[in-house]
Amino acid sequence: MIREDLVQELHDAGHDVRFAANGKVGLDLVNSFQPELILSDYLMPVMSGEELLRSVRQESERFNRIPFVFLSANTKLPAGGDEHGPGTTVYLRKPVDFDELMTTIDSLLGQGVHIRS
């Protein structure tokens, strides 16, 4: 339900949104659609967000700069930047503050990445 709300809010904000039910489906989606940003739950079935990040970074050099935004209810989130490549990784706590999420996405996309129409 949270995913559906986020997809709708992001779509309403003008973003071209694709979604996956788990990390493995997400990885397949990344390979078929060049995303400009990946928003992922940190804990997912089949493949965790951390495994997704590692797989995306190892998949192809063209994916190294895609920013990741992880959402997690875990109070102890990894500190620091992305240890899996030069792309930026941001961790946000659940429940999701939509204003904070949009500010984060806008900031990451403003770093040379543009929204698809």
C-alpha atoms as a PDB file:
ATOM      1  CA  MET A   1       0.000   0.000   0.000  1.00  0.00           C
ATOM      2  CA  ILE A   2       2.862   2.382   0.801  1.00  0.00           C
ATOM      3  CA  ARG A   3       4.472   1.545  -2.549  1.00  0.00           C
ATOM      4  CA  GLU A   4       1.242   2.342  -4.382  1.00  0.00           C
ATOM      5  CA  ASP A   5       0.940   5.683  -2.564  1.00  0.00           C
ATOM      6  CA  LEU A   6       4.565   6.569  -3.346  1.00  0.00           C
ATOM      7  CA  VAL A   7       4.166   5.619  -7.000  1.00  0.00           C
ATOM      8  CA  GLN A   8       1.065   7.807  -7.268  1.00  0.00           C
ATOM      9  CA  GLU A   9       2.679  10.762  -5.478  1.00  0.00           C
ATOM     10  CA  LEU A  10       5.824  10.559  -7.616  1.00  0.00           C
ATOM     11  CA  HIS A  11       3.756  10.243 -10.777  1.00  0.00           C
ATOM     12  CA  ASP A  12       1.674  13.267  -9.726  1.00  0.00           C
ATOM     13  CA  ALA A  13       4.946  15.182  -9.241  1.00  0.00           C
ATOM     14  CA  GLY A  14       5.833  14.517 -12.883  1.00  0.00           C
ATOM     15  CA  HIS A  15       8.155  11.529 -12.561  1.00  0.00           C
ATOM     16  CA  ASP A  16       8.070   8.547 -14.912  1.00  0.00           C
ATOM     17  CA  VAL A  17       7.745   5.743 -12.359  1.00  0.00           C
ATOM     18  CA  ARG A  18       8.265   1.994 -12.755  1.00  0.00           C
ATOM     19  CA  PHE A  19       7.868  -0.322  -9.785  1.00  0.00           C
ATOM     20  CA  ALA A  20       8.768  -3.853  -8.802  1.00  0.00           C
ATOM     21  CA  ALA A  21       7.445  -6.145  -6.090  1.00  0.00           C
ATOM     22  CA  ASN A  22      10.919  -7.319  -5.041  1.00  0.00           C
ATOM     23  CA  GLY A  23      14.617  -6.764  -5.643  1.00  0.00           C
ATOM     24  CA  LYS A  24      14.991  -9.443  -8.337  1.00  0.00           C
ATOM     25  CA  VAL A  25      12.150  -7.970 -10.397  1.00  0.00           C
ATOM     26  CA  GLY A  26      13.690  -4.549  -9.746  1.00  0.00           C
ATOM     27  CA  LEU A  27      17.040  -5.703 -11.154  1.00  0.00           C
ATOM     28  CA  ASP A  28      15.322  -7.041 -14.274  1.00  0.00           C
ATOM     29  CA  LEU A  29      13.525  -3.707 -14.631  1.00  0.00           C
ATOM     30  CA  VAL A  30      16.772  -1.738 -14.313  1.00  0.00           C
ATOM     31  CA  ASN A  31      18.246  -3.830 -17.116  1.00  0.00           C
ATOM     32  CA  SER A  32      15.297  -3.136 -19.419  1.00  0.00           C
ATOM     33  CA  PHE A  33      14.792   0.530 -18.521  1.00  0.00           C
ATOM     34  CA  GLN A  34      17.623   2.965 -17.843  1.00  0.00           C
ATOM     35  CA  PRO A  35      16.403   4.649 -14.633  1.00  0.00           C
ATOM     36  CA  GLU A  36      17.691   8.011 -13.506  1.00  0.00           C
ATOM     37  CA  LEU A  37      17.126   7.203  -9.841  1.00  0.00           C
ATOM     38  CA  ILE A  38      16.248   4.054  -7.907  1.00  0.00           C
ATOM     39  CA  LEU A  39      13.974   4.274  -4.870  1.00  0.00           C
ATOM     40  CA  SER A  40      13.988   1.011  -2.951  1.00  0.00           C
ATOM     41  CA  ASP A  41      12.988  -0.503   0.332  1.00  0.00           C
ATOM     42  CA  TYR A  42      16.070  -1.633   2.222  1.00  0.00           C
ATOM     43  CA  LEU A  43      14.528  -4.969   3.232  1.00  0.00           C
ATOM     44  CA  MET A  44      12.716  -6.816   0.440  1.00  0.00           C
ATOM     45  CA  PRO A  45      11.871 -10.400  -0.382  1.00  0.00           C
ATOM     46  CA  VAL A  46      13.943 -12.429  -2.873  1.00  0.00           C
ATOM     47  CA  MET A  47      16.746  -9.812  -3.075  1.00  0.00           C
ATOM     48  CA  SER A  48      17.397  -7.135  -0.460  1.00  0.00           C
ATOM     49  CA  GLY A  49      17.928  -3.491  -1.342  1.00  0.00           C
ATOM     50  CA  GLU A  50      21.616  -3.854  -0.500  1.00  0.00           C
ATOM     51  CA  GLU A  51      21.892  -6.854  -2.840  1.00  0.00           C
ATOM     52  CA  LEU A  52      20.037  -4.888  -5.519  1.00  0.00           C
ATOM     53  CA  LEU A  53      22.463  -1.991  -5.156  1.00  0.00           C
ATOM     54  CA  ARG A  54      25.477  -4.300  -5.391  1.00  0.00           C
ATOM     55  CA  SER A  55      24.022  -6.115  -8.422  1.00  0.00           C
ATOM     56  CA  VAL A  56      23.152  -2.905 -10.250  1.00  0.00           C
ATOM     57  CA  ARG A  57      26.628  -1.480  -9.664  1.00  0.00           C
ATOM     58  CA  GLN A  58      28.263  -4.707 -10.898  1.00  0.00           C
ATOM     59  CA  GLU A  59      25.919  -5.112 -13.888  1.00  0.00           C
ATOM     60  CA  SER A  60      27.282  -2.382 -16.096  1.00  0.00           C
ATOM     61  CA  GLU A  61      29.366   0.753 -15.934  1.00  0.00           C
ATOM     62  CA  ARG A  62      26.367   2.711 -17.258  1.00  0.00           C
ATOM     63  CA  PHE A  63      24.600   2.035 -13.937  1.00  0.00           C
ATOM     64  CA  ASN A  64      27.421   3.277 -11.685  1.00  0.00           C
ATOM     65  CA  ARG A  65      26.098   6.812 -11.345  1.00  0.00           C
ATOM     66  CA  ILE A  66      22.417   6.057 -10.772  1.00  0.00           C
ATOM     67  CA  PRO A  67      21.472   7.496  -7.371  1.00  0.00           C
ATOM     68  CA  PHE A  68      19.799   5.123  -4.900  1.00  0.00           C
ATOM     69  CA  VAL A  69      17.351   6.201  -2.217  1.00  0.00           C
ATOM     70  CA  PHE A  70      16.656   3.516   0.379  1.00  0.00           C
ATOM     71  CA  LEU A  71      13.652   3.550   2.687  1.00  0.00           C
ATOM     72  CA  SER A  72      13.914   1.627   5.937  1.00  0.00           C
ATOM     73  CA  ALA A  73      12.131   1.254   9.256  1.00  0.00           C
ATOM     74  CA  ASN A  74      15.462   0.156  10.746  1.00  0.00           C
ATOM     75  CA  THR A  75      16.755   2.684  13.251  1.00  0.00           C
ATOM     76  CA  LYS A  76      20.373   1.734  12.507  1.00  0.00           C
ATOM     77  CA  LEU A  77      20.961   2.594   8.887  1.00  0.00           C
ATOM     78  CA  PRO A  78      24.377   2.441   7.217  1.00  0.00           C
ATOM     79  CA  ALA A  79      26.347   5.635   7.637  1.00  0.00           C
ATOM     80  CA  GLY A  80      28.248   7.460   4.955  1.00  0.00           C
ATOM     81  CA  GLY A  81      28.155   7.268   1.198  1.00  0.00           C
ATOM     82  CA  ASP A  82      27.963   4.524  -1.339  1.00  0.00           C
ATOM     83  CA  GLU A  83      30.631   1.884  -0.887  1.00  0.00           C
ATOM     84  CA  HIS A  84      29.603   0.050  -4.061  1.00  0.00           C
ATOM     85  CA  GLY A  85      30.448   2.664  -6.650  1.00  0.00           C
ATOM     86  CA  PRO A  86      30.515   6.359  -7.415  1.00  0.00           C
ATOM     87  CA  GLY A  87      26.723   6.842  -7.420  1.00  0.00           C
ATOM     88  CA  THR A  88      25.096   8.511  -4.457  1.00  0.00           C
ATOM     89  CA  THR A  89      23.169   6.457  -1.901  1.00  0.00           C
ATOM     90  CA  VAL A  90      20.762   8.066   0.569  1.00  0.00           C
ATOM     91  CA  TYR A  91      18.954   6.341   3.439  1.00  0.00           C
ATOM     92  CA  LEU A  92      15.592   7.679   4.669  1.00  0.00           C
ATOM     93  CA  ARG A  93      13.608   6.358   7.596  1.00  0.00           C
ATOM     94  CA  LYS A  94      10.043   5.117   7.466  1.00  0.00           C
ATOM     95  CA  PRO A  95       7.405   6.265   7.894  1.00  0.00           C
ATOM     96  CA  VAL A  96       8.228   8.233   4.788  1.00  0.00           C
ATOM     97  CA  ASP A  97       8.109  12.004   5.045  1.00  0.00           C
ATOM     98  CA  PHE A  98       7.010  12.754   1.494  1.00  0.00           C
ATOM     99  CA  ASP A  99       8.379  16.318   1.573  1.00  0.00           C
ATOM    100  CA  GLU A 100      11.794  15.026   2.654  1.00  0.00           C
ATOM    101  CA  LEU A 101      11.663  12.327  -0.022  1.00  0.00           C
ATOM    102  CA  MET A 102      10.794  14.834  -2.754  1.00  0.00           C
ATOM    103  CA  THR A 103      13.522  17.227  -1.600  1.00  0.00           C
ATOM    104  CA  THR A 104      16.020  14.348  -1.686  1.00  0.00           C
ATOM    105  CA  ILE A 105      14.916  13.204  -5.142  1.00  0.00           C
ATOM    106  CA  ASP A 106      14.953  16.747  -6.521  1.00  0.00           C
ATOM    107  CA  SER A 107      18.430  17.270  -5.105  1.00  0.00           C
ATOM    108  CA  LEU A 108      19.765  14.016  -6.591  1.00  0.00           C
ATOM    109  CA  LEU A 109      18.176  14.623  -9.969  1.00  0.00           C
ATOM    110  CA  GLY A 110      19.580  18.145  -9.928  1.00  0.00           C
ATOM    111  CA  GLN A 111      23.078  16.648  -9.938  1.00  0.00           C
ATOM    112  CA  GLY A 112      23.033  16.280 -13.715  1.00  0.00           C
ATOM    113  CA  VAL A 113      20.226  13.734 -13.989  1.00  0.00           C
ATOM    114  CA  HIS A 114      16.979  14.788 -15.654  1.00  0.00           C
ATOM    115  CA  ILE A 115      13.460  13.416 -15.415  1.00  0.00           C
ATOM    116  CA  ARG A 116      12.178  11.550 -18.447  1.00  0.00           C
ATOM    117  CA  SER A 117       8.949  12.773 -20.005  1.00  0.00           C
END
